[in-house]
Amino acid sequence: MKLLRRASLVMASLLAGCLMATGAAETKKLAIAHVAVVDTTSGEIKADQTVVIAGARIVKIVSAAAYQPEAGTQLIDARGKYLIPGLWDMHVHIAGISADPKWSKEVVLPLLTAMGVTGVRDMGGDLSVLQAWRREIESGKLIGPHIVAGGPMLVSGGKRTSEQTPIKNAEEARVAVRELKQQGADFIKIISVPSREVFFAIAEEANKEKIPFVGHVPLAVTASEASASGMRSIEHIVYSNLALDCSAKEKELRAALPEARKNHDEAATGRILAEAVNTYSPDKAVALWTTFKKNDTWVTPTLASIAAQTPQSITPEEQASDPRLEFVPASLRKEWDPRDPKNRVSEEDQKWWANQYANDSRLTTEMHKAGVSLLAGSDSLDRFVFPGFALHQELALLNQQGLTPLEALQAATSDAAKFLGRKGEFGVIANGAHADLVLLDDNPLEKISNTTKISAVIREGVYLDRAGLDRLLSQSKAAAQAAPAR
């Protein structure tokens, strides 16, 4: 605990240093000069621009030649660099599941910031903790991303914890929706439900309370029914069983699943879901995508997290030496360690996951072609899904599945803002928008992997140069090393 307190002091010192570096104590203005601005709405790159920031907002964008320096403005010469909006990871767990709030504040928040992630949608965690962090971040006391949070997930069984709320019947479902809204949740997240009645009770109450509901499509309903009921976003492809909706044998397979689940027969369940993938019907898929478009249902594929479950082309020893593990506390590294036989995925399971990943990739491509709205989300901290790093991997995977570099970038910027109802505030470089920006060394529209070539991050007007970002990474590593065992 002493080491964690020391890490917190380092964070406070770093924040103070960043504010001093930007001249925040003396001036409220910052100008990024001679930069190529990436317009995530039009796809245009506007060369040799100057972006002026006052406080936490962008106040002026002009050609560098026309800009007249103002007294008290800090000028950053960004010749040869590209400016994009700050990235949003639309599916994370930063205060629950694998991310223990006892250490994740000092480990995950600075890591996300250093990787250019200036906003996150937390998909299940301790709401009070997330709200406390959000207050600190928005007041400028803490460096971290904007946080949109749903709080505990609604599940069909298990114990009530800060991460989940079990629901037995429709009345409990309605109460849970109302309570979460009263507690300040930004949305309702569904994982599983015990019956169709419970799902539609959640949907009806959420619509009545005017709070979005999102999550997994439970087996009790079809994806078309979830979409028609107002489900705002469907999370994952495999966990939402979209293969069933796209299967020529859907009716037969849906009838067989409840019995397999009731008997806790994982092998039978796996065979049924694999058969759904193998009986793909293009006509059924097209009908489903048409429904999604009609109802404005978004999908977050989380390809990076599923890819992490597939066969690796490296040895367990090589995987265990991944340098990104330095950002993972020892207790979690132990759970992930592929050298430990009890942590290894069987060859049969790896083949199953590879089949599912191939299907997820195919459906992502088909949805994109059909015009279904997609979001970029990593599902960190799943096993070997590293916060910050994984979002950049997700962008690359979306690009591989047919999205252009611009479209992949939009899924983490302007489209994310549109989904959140914050169009014009986030995800764009425009007058009045939040000054959340990432300065890159190369053009991301030529190659999406260039989003990893980060020169600086501007977070609500606070300028973090490469040295400052490296200090954040060092602080994150130190906090990970100091994290208490579970």
Foldseek 3Di string as FASTA:
>chain_A
DVLLVVLVVLQQVLLVVLCVVQVVVPAQKEKEFQEFEQFLVPRDTRGGWIWMGGFFFTADIGHRVPDDDDPPYHYHHQHLWYKFFQFEAEEEAQPDDQHPPLQSLQFFFLLQVLLRHQEYEYQFHQVVSLVVVQVCCVVSSGRGHHYQYQWAAEECDDDDDRGHDHDPALVSLLVVLVVSVVVPHQAYEYQEHPAPRNVLSNLVSCVVVVHAYEYAQYLRDALLVCLVSRHAEHEAPVSNLVLLQQFPCNVVLSVPQVVCVVVVPVVVNLVSSLVSLVRGDPVSLLVSLVSCVVSNYEYEHLLLLLVVLADDPDDLVVVLVPVLCLLAAPQVSVCQRCVDVVNPDDPVSNVSSVSVSVSSLQSLLVSVVSPHHYAQHNHPPDRVRHNSVRSLVSLQSSVVSPQQLSSSLCNGWQSVCVSSVNHPQIRGSDRGHGQWMWMFNDDCRVPVNSSSRTQWTQHSNRIQGSVSSVSSNVSSSSSSHVRDHD
